[in-house]
């Protein structure tokens, strides 16, 4: 399965994050193991994760976690179901290569790769880029509840 794009409305139908807390604008492409997404909201002065008039790079961890949620939603939908609710339980090996992201023009691109999945948990590696430059990377784990 190599599926093309999903717009923001499609993403909103897949994840519990709604309104401005849904950070991704579009899915560029996805398959059973990976997803690529794009967002342009990091420059919005009303961004929900903005503090002290800036958006710190640590917010990229939430972008990574939401990439997991979107991918999980797409996988569940492809199998005729709905993704189980998840709770982020661990971030590991996070590396931030910039201090802030609200001053970056253009889109942020995200990639997430499923590295382990079970009925009760999933783990992903995520990477976030701006114009080909690596902004952040890490590993994330989520515990899943009943679907």
N, C-alpha and C. Protein backbone atom coordinates (compact mmCIF):
# COMPACT_ATOMS: atom_id res chain seq x y z
N UNK A 1 0.85 -1.17 0.00
CA UNK A 1 0.00 0.00 0.00
C UNK A 1 0.90 1.24 0.00
N UNK A 2 0.75 2.08 -0.99
CA UNK A 2 1.43 3.36 -1.03
C UNK A 2 0.37 4.38 -1.38
N UNK A 3 -0.06 5.08 -0.37
CA UNK A 3 -1.20 5.96 -0.55
C UNK A 3 -0.76 7.40 -0.60
N UNK A 4 -1.49 8.16 -1.36
CA UNK A 4 -1.20 9.57 -1.53
C UNK A 4 -1.74 10.42 -0.41
N UNK A 5 -1.94 11.65 -0.72
CA UNK A 5 -2.24 12.67 0.26
C UNK A 5 -3.59 12.57 0.94
N UNK A 6 -3.61 13.19 2.10
CA UNK A 6 -4.83 13.36 2.89
C UNK A 6 -4.81 14.82 3.32
N UNK A 7 -5.93 15.53 3.14
CA UNK A 7 -5.97 16.94 3.53
C UNK A 7 -6.28 17.08 5.02
N UNK A 8 -6.33 18.32 5.48
CA UNK A 8 -6.55 18.60 6.91
C UNK A 8 -7.87 18.02 7.41
N UNK A 9 -8.92 18.13 6.62
CA UNK A 9 -10.22 17.57 7.04
C UNK A 9 -10.11 16.06 7.24
N UNK A 10 -9.38 15.40 6.36
CA UNK A 10 -9.16 13.97 6.50
C UNK A 10 -8.37 13.64 7.76
N UNK A 11 -7.38 14.46 8.06
CA UNK A 11 -6.58 14.25 9.28
C UNK A 11 -7.45 14.44 10.52
N UNK A 12 -8.27 15.49 10.52
CA UNK A 12 -9.15 15.75 11.67
C UNK A 12 -10.09 14.59 11.94
N UNK A 13 -10.47 13.87 10.90
CA UNK A 13 -11.35 12.71 11.06
C UNK A 13 -10.63 11.51 11.67
N UNK A 14 -9.30 11.55 11.68
CA UNK A 14 -8.52 10.40 12.15
C UNK A 14 -7.98 10.53 13.57
N UNK A 15 -7.83 11.74 14.08
CA UNK A 15 -7.12 11.95 15.34
C UNK A 15 -7.99 12.66 16.37
N UNK A 16 -7.67 12.50 17.65
CA UNK A 16 -8.43 13.21 18.68
C UNK A 16 -8.08 14.70 18.76
N UNK A 17 -6.95 15.11 18.22
CA UNK A 17 -6.52 16.51 18.25
C UNK A 17 -7.39 17.31 17.29
N UNK A 18 -8.07 18.30 17.80
CA UNK A 18 -8.99 19.07 16.98
C UNK A 18 -8.64 20.55 17.02
N UNK A 19 -9.20 21.30 16.07
CA UNK A 19 -8.94 22.73 16.00
C UNK A 19 -7.46 23.00 15.84
N UNK A 20 -6.98 24.05 16.48
CA UNK A 20 -5.56 24.41 16.33
C UNK A 20 -4.60 23.37 16.94
N UNK A 21 -5.10 22.50 17.81
CA UNK A 21 -4.21 21.47 18.39
C UNK A 21 -3.93 20.34 17.41
N UNK A 22 -4.62 20.28 16.31
CA UNK A 22 -4.25 19.36 15.24
C UNK A 22 -3.17 20.07 14.44
N UNK A 23 -1.94 19.62 14.55
CA UNK A 23 -0.80 20.37 14.04
C UNK A 23 -0.49 20.14 12.57
N UNK A 24 -0.92 19.05 11.99
CA UNK A 24 -0.56 18.75 10.60
C UNK A 24 -1.64 19.25 9.64
N UNK A 25 -1.20 19.77 8.50
CA UNK A 25 -2.10 20.27 7.47
C UNK A 25 -2.40 19.23 6.39
N UNK A 26 -1.42 18.38 6.11
CA UNK A 26 -1.64 17.39 5.04
C UNK A 26 -0.69 16.22 5.19
N UNK A 27 -1.16 15.08 4.72
CA UNK A 27 -0.32 13.90 4.56
C UNK A 27 0.14 13.92 3.11
N UNK A 28 1.45 13.90 2.91
CA UNK A 28 2.02 13.90 1.57
C UNK A 28 1.94 12.49 0.99
N UNK A 29 2.38 11.51 1.77
CA UNK A 29 2.27 10.11 1.37
C UNK A 29 2.45 9.23 2.60
N UNK A 30 1.98 7.98 2.48
CA UNK A 30 2.12 7.03 3.58
C UNK A 30 2.04 5.62 3.04
N UNK A 31 2.57 4.69 3.85
CA UNK A 31 2.43 3.27 3.55
C UNK A 31 2.34 2.54 4.89
N UNK A 32 2.49 1.24 4.88
CA UNK A 32 2.33 0.47 6.13
C UNK A 32 3.36 0.81 7.20
N UNK A 33 4.53 1.31 6.84
CA UNK A 33 5.60 1.59 7.80
C UNK A 33 5.87 3.07 8.04
N UNK A 34 5.60 3.91 7.04
CA UNK A 34 6.03 5.31 7.14
C UNK A 34 4.93 6.28 6.74
N UNK A 35 5.15 7.52 7.15
CA UNK A 35 4.26 8.61 6.78
C UNK A 35 5.10 9.87 6.61
N UNK A 36 4.71 10.70 5.63
CA UNK A 36 5.30 12.02 5.43
C UNK A 36 4.17 13.04 5.47
N UNK A 37 4.38 14.10 6.27
CA UNK A 37 3.34 15.11 6.46
C UNK A 37 3.92 16.51 6.28
N UNK A 38 3.02 17.50 6.20
CA UNK A 38 3.44 18.88 6.03
C UNK A 38 2.56 19.78 6.89
N UNK A 39 3.17 20.82 7.47
CA UNK A 39 2.44 21.81 8.27
C UNK A 39 3.00 23.20 8.00
N UNK A 40 2.13 24.17 8.09
CA UNK A 40 2.53 25.57 7.90
C UNK A 40 2.13 26.45 9.09
N UNK A 41 1.59 25.87 10.13
CA UNK A 41 1.04 26.64 11.24
C UNK A 41 2.07 27.13 12.25
N UNK A 42 3.31 26.73 12.13
CA UNK A 42 4.34 27.11 13.10
C UNK A 42 4.60 28.61 13.15
N UNK A 43 4.19 29.35 12.13
CA UNK A 43 4.40 30.80 12.12
C UNK A 43 3.19 31.57 12.66
N UNK A 44 2.12 30.87 12.98
CA UNK A 44 0.89 31.50 13.47
C UNK A 44 1.10 32.06 14.87
N UNK A 45 0.88 33.36 15.08
CA UNK A 45 1.04 33.94 16.42
C UNK A 45 0.09 33.33 17.45
N UNK A 46 -0.99 32.68 16.99
CA UNK A 46 -1.96 32.05 17.91
C UNK A 46 -1.70 30.54 18.05
N UNK A 47 -0.55 30.06 17.63
CA UNK A 47 -0.24 28.62 17.74
C UNK A 47 -0.43 28.19 19.19
N UNK A 48 -1.13 27.08 19.44
CA UNK A 48 -1.45 26.68 20.82
C UNK A 48 -0.24 26.29 21.67
N UNK A 49 0.88 25.99 21.08
CA UNK A 49 2.07 25.62 21.85
C UNK A 49 3.06 26.78 21.99
N UNK A 50 2.69 27.92 21.50
CA UNK A 50 3.55 29.11 21.55
C UNK A 50 3.60 29.64 22.99
N UNK A 51 4.79 30.05 23.43
CA UNK A 51 4.96 30.63 24.77
C UNK A 51 5.99 31.75 24.69
N UNK A 52 5.75 32.79 25.45
CA UNK A 52 6.66 33.94 25.49
C UNK A 52 6.95 34.47 24.08
N UNK A 53 5.90 34.54 23.29
CA UNK A 53 5.96 35.09 21.94
C UNK A 53 6.89 34.33 21.00
N UNK A 54 7.05 33.02 21.24
CA UNK A 54 7.86 32.21 20.33
C UNK A 54 7.40 30.77 20.41
N UNK A 55 7.78 30.00 19.41
CA UNK A 55 7.48 28.57 19.38
C UNK A 55 8.81 27.82 19.46
N UNK A 56 9.09 27.30 20.64
CA UNK A 56 10.35 26.61 20.90
C UNK A 56 10.38 25.28 20.14
N UNK A 57 11.57 24.86 19.77
CA UNK A 57 11.75 23.63 19.00
C UNK A 57 11.24 22.39 19.73
N UNK A 58 11.12 22.44 21.04
CA UNK A 58 10.61 21.27 21.76
C UNK A 58 9.18 20.92 21.30
N UNK A 59 8.47 21.89 20.74
CA UNK A 59 7.13 21.62 20.19
C UNK A 59 7.19 20.60 19.06
N UNK A 60 8.35 20.44 18.44
CA UNK A 60 8.48 19.45 17.37
C UNK A 60 8.24 18.03 17.87
N UNK A 61 8.42 17.81 19.17
CA UNK A 61 8.09 16.49 19.73
C UNK A 61 6.60 16.21 19.61
N UNK A 62 5.77 17.23 19.79
CA UNK A 62 4.33 17.06 19.62
C UNK A 62 3.98 16.82 18.16
N UNK A 63 4.67 17.50 17.26
CA UNK A 63 4.47 17.22 15.83
C UNK A 63 4.80 15.75 15.55
N UNK A 64 5.90 15.26 16.12
CA UNK A 64 6.27 13.86 15.93
C UNK A 64 5.23 12.91 16.49
N UNK A 65 4.74 13.20 17.69
CA UNK A 65 3.73 12.35 18.31
C UNK A 65 2.43 12.36 17.50
N UNK A 66 2.06 13.52 16.97
CA UNK A 66 0.84 13.58 16.17
C UNK A 66 1.02 12.88 14.82
N UNK A 67 2.24 12.84 14.31
CA UNK A 67 2.49 12.06 13.09
C UNK A 67 2.18 10.59 13.35
N UNK A 68 2.55 10.11 14.55
CA UNK A 68 2.23 8.73 14.95
C UNK A 68 0.72 8.52 14.94
N UNK A 69 0.00 9.46 15.53
CA UNK A 69 -1.46 9.34 15.63
C UNK A 69 -2.11 9.31 14.25
N UNK A 70 -1.64 10.17 13.36
CA UNK A 70 -2.21 10.20 12.00
C UNK A 70 -1.92 8.87 11.30
N UNK A 71 -0.69 8.38 11.41
CA UNK A 71 -0.34 7.11 10.77
C UNK A 71 -1.18 5.97 11.33
N UNK A 72 -1.31 5.93 12.65
CA UNK A 72 -2.14 4.90 13.27
C UNK A 72 -3.58 4.97 12.80
N UNK A 73 -4.10 6.17 12.66
CA UNK A 73 -5.45 6.34 12.17
C UNK A 73 -5.62 5.86 10.74
N UNK A 74 -4.64 6.16 9.90
CA UNK A 74 -4.68 5.70 8.51
C UNK A 74 -4.61 4.18 8.42
N UNK A 75 -3.73 3.58 9.23
CA UNK A 75 -3.62 2.11 9.23
C UNK A 75 -4.92 1.46 9.67
N UNK A 76 -5.52 1.99 10.74
CA UNK A 76 -6.78 1.43 11.24
C UNK A 76 -7.89 1.59 10.21
N UNK A 77 -7.97 2.76 9.59
CA UNK A 77 -9.00 2.99 8.58
C UNK A 77 -8.82 2.05 7.39
N UNK A 78 -7.58 1.80 6.99
CA UNK A 78 -7.31 0.89 5.87
C UNK A 78 -7.78 -0.53 6.18
N UNK A 79 -7.86 -0.88 7.48
CA UNK A 79 -8.32 -2.20 7.89
C UNK A 79 -9.79 -2.18 8.28
N UNK A 80 -10.47 -1.08 7.99
CA UNK A 80 -11.90 -0.99 8.24
C UNK A 80 -12.28 -0.61 9.65
N UNK A 81 -11.34 -0.12 10.43
CA UNK A 81 -11.63 0.22 11.82
C UNK A 81 -11.26 1.65 12.15
N UNK A 82 -11.15 1.87 13.43
CA UNK A 82 -10.77 3.18 13.98
C UNK A 82 -9.63 2.95 14.95
N UNK A 83 -8.66 3.84 14.95
CA UNK A 83 -7.49 3.70 15.82
C UNK A 83 -7.87 3.80 17.28
N UNK A 84 -7.20 3.02 18.10
CA UNK A 84 -7.37 3.12 19.54
C UNK A 84 -6.76 4.43 20.02
N UNK A 85 -7.34 4.99 21.07
CA UNK A 85 -6.77 6.21 21.66
C UNK A 85 -5.41 5.88 22.23
N UNK A 86 -4.49 6.79 22.08
CA UNK A 86 -3.14 6.56 22.57
C UNK A 86 -2.70 7.66 23.52
N UNK A 87 -1.76 7.30 24.39
CA UNK A 87 -1.16 8.25 25.32
C UNK A 87 0.35 8.16 25.13
N UNK A 88 0.97 9.29 24.86
CA UNK A 88 2.41 9.34 24.72
C UNK A 88 3.04 9.02 26.07
N UNK A 89 3.89 8.00 26.12
CA UNK A 89 4.47 7.60 27.39
C UNK A 89 5.98 7.78 27.45
N UNK A 90 6.63 7.94 26.31
CA UNK A 90 8.09 8.10 26.34
C UNK A 90 8.59 8.80 25.09
N UNK A 91 9.56 9.66 25.30
CA UNK A 91 10.36 10.25 24.23
C UNK A 91 11.80 9.88 24.53
N UNK A 92 12.51 9.38 23.54
CA UNK A 92 13.90 8.98 23.73
C UNK A 92 14.74 9.51 22.58
N UNK A 93 16.00 9.69 22.88
CA UNK A 93 16.99 10.07 21.86
C UNK A 93 16.56 11.31 21.08
N UNK A 94 15.87 12.23 21.74
CA UNK A 94 15.42 13.45 21.06
C UNK A 94 16.62 14.38 20.87
N UNK A 95 16.76 14.85 19.67
CA UNK A 95 17.79 15.83 19.33
C UNK A 95 17.12 17.00 18.64
N UNK A 96 17.30 18.18 19.21
CA UNK A 96 16.78 19.41 18.61
C UNK A 96 17.95 20.15 17.99
N UNK A 97 17.84 20.49 16.72
CA UNK A 97 18.95 21.12 16.00
C UNK A 97 18.74 22.61 15.79
N UNK A 98 17.63 23.14 16.29
CA UNK A 98 17.34 24.58 16.27
C UNK A 98 16.75 24.94 17.63
N UNK A 99 16.72 26.23 17.92
CA UNK A 99 16.16 26.68 19.18
C UNK A 99 14.66 26.97 19.08
N UNK A 100 14.26 27.52 17.95
CA UNK A 100 12.85 27.87 17.75
C UNK A 100 12.45 27.60 16.32
N UNK A 101 11.12 27.55 16.09
CA UNK A 101 10.66 27.25 14.73
C UNK A 101 9.69 28.29 14.18
N UNK A 102 9.24 29.23 14.99
CA UNK A 102 8.27 30.21 14.52
C UNK A 102 8.88 31.22 13.55
N UNK A 103 10.19 31.26 13.43
CA UNK A 103 10.85 32.18 12.53
C UNK A 103 11.25 31.52 11.20
N UNK A 104 10.78 30.30 10.96
CA UNK A 104 11.11 29.58 9.73
C UNK A 104 10.01 29.80 8.69
N UNK A 105 10.35 30.39 7.54
CA UNK A 105 9.32 30.58 6.50
C UNK A 105 9.03 29.26 5.79
N UNK A 106 7.84 29.14 5.25
CA UNK A 106 7.51 27.93 4.51
C UNK A 106 7.10 26.79 5.42
N UNK A 107 6.95 25.62 4.82
CA UNK A 107 6.40 24.46 5.52
C UNK A 107 7.44 23.70 6.33
N UNK A 108 6.95 23.04 7.36
CA UNK A 108 7.72 22.04 8.09
C UNK A 108 7.26 20.69 7.56
N UNK A 109 8.20 19.81 7.31
CA UNK A 109 7.87 18.47 6.85
C UNK A 109 8.24 17.47 7.93
N UNK A 110 7.39 16.48 8.11
CA UNK A 110 7.63 15.45 9.10
C UNK A 110 7.64 14.08 8.48
N UNK A 111 8.44 13.21 9.07
CA UNK A 111 8.49 11.81 8.68
C UNK A 111 8.42 10.98 9.96
N UNK A 112 7.65 9.93 9.93
CA UNK A 112 7.60 9.00 11.06
C UNK A 112 7.63 7.59 10.49
N UNK A 113 8.35 6.72 11.21
CA UNK A 113 8.47 5.33 10.79
C UNK A 113 8.11 4.43 11.97
N UNK A 114 7.17 3.54 11.73
CA UNK A 114 6.75 2.57 12.73
C UNK A 114 7.86 1.54 12.92
N UNK A 115 8.36 1.41 14.16
CA UNK A 115 9.43 0.44 14.41
C UNK A 115 8.97 -0.74 15.26
N UNK A 116 7.87 -0.59 15.99
CA UNK A 116 7.31 -1.69 16.77
C UNK A 116 5.84 -1.40 17.05
N UNK A 117 5.01 -2.43 16.94
CA UNK A 117 3.59 -2.25 17.20
C UNK A 117 3.00 -3.51 17.80
N UNK A 118 2.11 -3.32 18.75
CA UNK A 118 1.36 -4.41 19.36
C UNK A 118 -0.04 -3.91 19.64
N UNK A 119 -0.85 -4.75 20.24
CA UNK A 119 -2.22 -4.32 20.56
C UNK A 119 -2.25 -3.19 21.58
N UNK A 120 -1.25 -3.14 22.47
CA UNK A 120 -1.27 -2.17 23.55
C UNK A 120 -0.26 -1.04 23.41
N UNK A 121 0.59 -1.08 22.39
CA UNK A 121 1.60 -0.03 22.27
C UNK A 121 2.14 0.06 20.85
N UNK A 122 2.79 1.18 20.60
CA UNK A 122 3.50 1.36 19.34
C UNK A 122 4.68 2.30 19.56
N UNK A 123 5.71 2.10 18.75
CA UNK A 123 6.90 2.95 18.82
C UNK A 123 7.24 3.42 17.42
N UNK A 124 7.66 4.67 17.34
CA UNK A 124 8.02 5.30 16.08
C UNK A 124 9.34 6.04 16.22
N UNK A 125 10.01 6.21 15.10
CA UNK A 125 11.11 7.15 14.97
C UNK A 125 10.55 8.32 14.16
N UNK A 126 10.84 9.55 14.59
CA UNK A 126 10.35 10.70 13.85
C UNK A 126 11.50 11.66 13.52
N UNK A 127 11.32 12.37 12.40
CA UNK A 127 12.27 13.39 11.95
C UNK A 127 11.46 14.54 11.38
N UNK A 128 11.91 15.76 11.68
CA UNK A 128 11.23 16.95 11.18
C UNK A 128 12.24 17.83 10.46
N UNK A 129 11.81 18.37 9.31
CA UNK A 129 12.69 19.12 8.43
C UNK A 129 12.08 20.45 8.03
N UNK A 130 12.93 21.37 7.67
CA UNK A 130 12.53 22.63 7.04
C UNK A 130 13.47 22.86 5.87
N UNK A 131 12.91 22.91 4.67
CA UNK A 131 13.69 23.11 3.45
C UNK A 131 14.89 22.17 3.39
N UNK A 132 14.68 20.91 3.75
CA UNK A 132 15.71 19.89 3.70
C UNK A 132 16.65 19.84 4.89
N UNK A 133 16.55 20.80 5.79
CA UNK A 133 17.40 20.85 6.99
C UNK A 133 16.72 20.10 8.14
N UNK A 134 17.46 19.20 8.77
CA UNK A 134 16.92 18.45 9.90
C UNK A 134 16.76 19.38 11.10
N UNK A 135 15.54 19.49 11.61
CA UNK A 135 15.23 20.32 12.77
C UNK A 135 15.25 19.52 14.06
N UNK A 136 14.71 18.31 14.02
CA UNK A 136 14.60 17.49 15.22
C UNK A 136 14.42 16.03 14.82
N UNK A 137 14.78 15.16 15.75
CA UNK A 137 14.58 13.73 15.55
C UNK A 137 14.46 13.07 16.91
N UNK A 138 13.87 11.90 16.93
CA UNK A 138 13.74 11.16 18.17
C UNK A 138 12.91 9.91 18.00
N UNK A 139 12.68 9.26 19.13
CA UNK A 139 11.83 8.07 19.20
C UNK A 139 10.71 8.37 20.17
N UNK A 140 9.54 7.83 19.87
CA UNK A 140 8.38 8.04 20.73
C UNK A 140 7.64 6.72 20.91
N UNK A 141 7.08 6.55 22.10
CA UNK A 141 6.28 5.36 22.40
C UNK A 141 4.92 5.81 22.94
N UNK A 142 3.89 5.09 22.53
CA UNK A 142 2.54 5.37 23.00
C UNK A 142 1.91 4.08 23.49
N UNK A 143 1.14 4.20 24.56
CA UNK A 143 0.30 3.10 25.05
C UNK A 143 -1.09 3.32 24.47
N UNK A 144 -1.69 2.24 24.00
CA UNK A 144 -2.99 2.32 23.33
C UNK A 144 -4.08 1.76 24.22
N UNK A 145 -5.22 2.44 24.18
CA UNK A 145 -6.40 1.95 24.92
C UNK A 145 -7.28 1.17 23.98
N UNK A 146 -8.47 0.80 24.44
CA UNK A 146 -9.41 0.08 23.57
C UNK A 146 -9.83 0.94 22.39
N UNK A 147 -9.99 0.31 21.23
CA UNK A 147 -10.40 1.05 20.02
C UNK A 147 -11.84 1.47 20.10
